[in-house]
């Protein structure tokens, strides 16, 4: 559960975006059918980061939208 909470933070979204970009580049370098499949798959982590959604959250009773998780509920409350 802590992993899902982390992935809903700004840092987690950044990691997903970078992962999507890395898979896209890897697909372009590999080429062929496998490369095309990688490039198509790269849309998933990149899009979830850009739109702030996590398709696995509802499986664990969390809202799909990252912004719907309050910092106190996600375990990443800001400290003053």
C-alpha atoms as a PDB file:
ATOM      1  CA  UNK A   1       0.000   0.000   0.000  1.00  0.00           C
ATOM      2  CA  UNK A   2       2.878   2.399   0.714  1.00  0.00           C
ATOM      3  CA  UNK A   3       4.172   1.809  -2.807  1.00  0.00           C
ATOM      4  CA  UNK A   4       0.831   2.860  -4.313  1.00  0.00           C
ATOM      5  CA  UNK A   5       0.749   5.915  -2.066  1.00  0.00           C
ATOM      6  CA  UNK A   6       4.253   6.837  -3.196  1.00  0.00           C
ATOM      7  CA  UNK A   7       3.347   6.398  -6.863  1.00  0.00           C
ATOM      8  CA  UNK A   8       0.548   8.951  -6.353  1.00  0.00           C
ATOM      9  CA  UNK A   9       3.049  11.614  -5.266  1.00  0.00           C
ATOM     10  CA  UNK A  10       4.779  14.043  -7.610  1.00  0.00           C
ATOM     11  CA  UNK A  11       7.981  11.964  -7.438  1.00  0.00           C
ATOM     12  CA  UNK A  12       6.094   8.759  -8.276  1.00  0.00           C
ATOM     13  CA  UNK A  13       4.440  10.409 -11.258  1.00  0.00           C
ATOM     14  CA  UNK A  14       7.847  11.597 -12.425  1.00  0.00           C
ATOM     15  CA  UNK A  15       9.214   8.070 -12.197  1.00  0.00           C
ATOM     16  CA  UNK A  16       6.297   6.765 -14.271  1.00  0.00           C
ATOM     17  CA  UNK A  17       6.859   9.449 -16.911  1.00  0.00           C
ATOM     18  CA  UNK A  18      10.581   8.693 -17.101  1.00  0.00           C
ATOM     19  CA  UNK A  19       9.857   4.964 -17.307  1.00  0.00           C
ATOM     20  CA  UNK A  20       7.476   5.524 -20.196  1.00  0.00           C
ATOM     21  CA  UNK A  21      10.054   7.665 -21.967  1.00  0.00           C
ATOM     22  CA  UNK A  22      12.796   5.069 -21.415  1.00  0.00           C
ATOM     23  CA  UNK A  23      10.607   2.253 -22.791  1.00  0.00           C
ATOM     24  CA  UNK A  24       9.737   4.438 -25.799  1.00  0.00           C
ATOM     25  CA  UNK A  25      13.424   5.038 -26.530  1.00  0.00           C
ATOM     26  CA  UNK A  26      14.229   1.348 -26.031  1.00  0.00           C
ATOM     27  CA  UNK A  27      11.487   0.425 -28.492  1.00  0.00           C
ATOM     28  CA  UNK A  28      12.849   2.846 -31.059  1.00  0.00           C
ATOM     29  CA  UNK A  29      16.339   1.387 -30.659  1.00  0.00           C
ATOM     30  CA  UNK A  30      15.166  -2.247 -30.858  1.00  0.00           C
ATOM     31  CA  UNK A  31      12.970  -1.684 -33.904  1.00  0.00           C
ATOM     32  CA  UNK A  32      10.828  -4.265 -35.661  1.00  0.00           C
ATOM     33  CA  UNK A  33       7.729  -5.805 -34.130  1.00  0.00           C
ATOM     34  CA  UNK A  34       9.197  -5.982 -30.618  1.00  0.00           C
ATOM     35  CA  UNK A  35      10.224  -2.334 -30.782  1.00  0.00           C
ATOM     36  CA  UNK A  36       6.775  -1.324 -31.973  1.00  0.00           C
ATOM     37  CA  UNK A  37       5.181  -3.297 -29.120  1.00  0.00           C
ATOM     38  CA  UNK A  38       7.467  -1.547 -26.621  1.00  0.00           C
ATOM     39  CA  UNK A  39       6.628   1.857 -28.048  1.00  0.00           C
ATOM     40  CA  UNK A  40       2.900   1.153 -27.831  1.00  0.00           C
ATOM     41  CA  UNK A  41       3.299  -0.143 -24.246  1.00  0.00           C
ATOM     42  CA  UNK A  42       5.236   2.997 -23.273  1.00  0.00           C
ATOM     43  CA  UNK A  43       2.032   4.987 -23.640  1.00  0.00           C
ATOM     44  CA  UNK A  44       0.593   3.389 -20.473  1.00  0.00           C
ATOM     45  CA  UNK A  45       3.113   4.577 -17.832  1.00  0.00           C
ATOM     46  CA  UNK A  46       3.543   7.945 -19.534  1.00  0.00           C
ATOM     47  CA  UNK A  47      -0.201   8.595 -19.805  1.00  0.00           C
ATOM     48  CA  UNK A  48      -0.893   7.549 -16.209  1.00  0.00           C
ATOM     49  CA  UNK A  49       1.771  10.016 -15.046  1.00  0.00           C
ATOM     50  CA  UNK A  50       0.520  12.877 -17.202  1.00  0.00           C
ATOM     51  CA  UNK A  51      -3.145  12.397 -16.313  1.00  0.00           C
ATOM     52  CA  UNK A  52      -2.509  11.539 -12.644  1.00  0.00           C
ATOM     53  CA  UNK A  53      -4.272   8.195 -12.596  1.00  0.00           C
ATOM     54  CA  UNK A  54      -3.209   4.796 -11.327  1.00  0.00           C
ATOM     55  CA  UNK A  55      -5.182   1.864 -12.742  1.00  0.00           C
ATOM     56  CA  UNK A  56      -4.121  -0.398  -9.846  1.00  0.00           C
ATOM     57  CA  UNK A  57      -5.436   1.841  -7.049  1.00  0.00           C
ATOM     58  CA  UNK A  58      -9.098   0.700  -7.291  1.00  0.00           C
ATOM     59  CA  UNK A  59      -7.958  -2.892  -6.737  1.00  0.00           C
ATOM     60  CA  UNK A  60      -6.745  -1.784  -3.284  1.00  0.00           C
ATOM     61  CA  UNK A  61      -9.704   0.427  -2.369  1.00  0.00           C
ATOM     62  CA  UNK A  62      -8.080   3.717  -3.409  1.00  0.00           C
ATOM     63  CA  UNK A  63      -9.460   6.255  -5.889  1.00  0.00           C
ATOM     64  CA  UNK A  64      -8.066   6.039  -9.407  1.00  0.00           C
ATOM     65  CA  UNK A  65      -7.148   9.737  -9.541  1.00  0.00           C
ATOM     66  CA  UNK A  66      -3.903  10.568  -7.739  1.00  0.00           C
ATOM     67  CA  UNK A  67      -5.159  14.012  -6.782  1.00  0.00           C
ATOM     68  CA  UNK A  68      -8.105  12.419  -4.959  1.00  0.00           C
ATOM     69  CA  UNK A  69      -5.766  10.929  -2.328  1.00  0.00           C
ATOM     70  CA  UNK A  70      -5.229  13.423   0.464  1.00  0.00           C
ATOM     71  CA  UNK A  71      -1.639  13.765   1.753  1.00  0.00           C
ATOM     72  CA  UNK A  72      -2.711  12.649   5.251  1.00  0.00           C
ATOM     73  CA  UNK A  73      -4.417   9.543   3.874  1.00  0.00           C
ATOM     74  CA  UNK A  74      -1.519   8.626   1.596  1.00  0.00           C
ATOM     75  CA  UNK A  75       1.015   8.772   4.429  1.00  0.00           C
ATOM     76  CA  UNK A  76       2.922  11.647   2.858  1.00  0.00           C
ATOM     77  CA  UNK A  77       1.590  14.554   4.904  1.00  0.00           C
ATOM     78  CA  UNK A  78       3.624  17.743   4.780  1.00  0.00           C
ATOM     79  CA  UNK A  79       5.388  18.638   7.945  1.00  0.00           C
ATOM     80  CA  UNK A  80       5.554  22.290   8.950  1.00  0.00           C
END
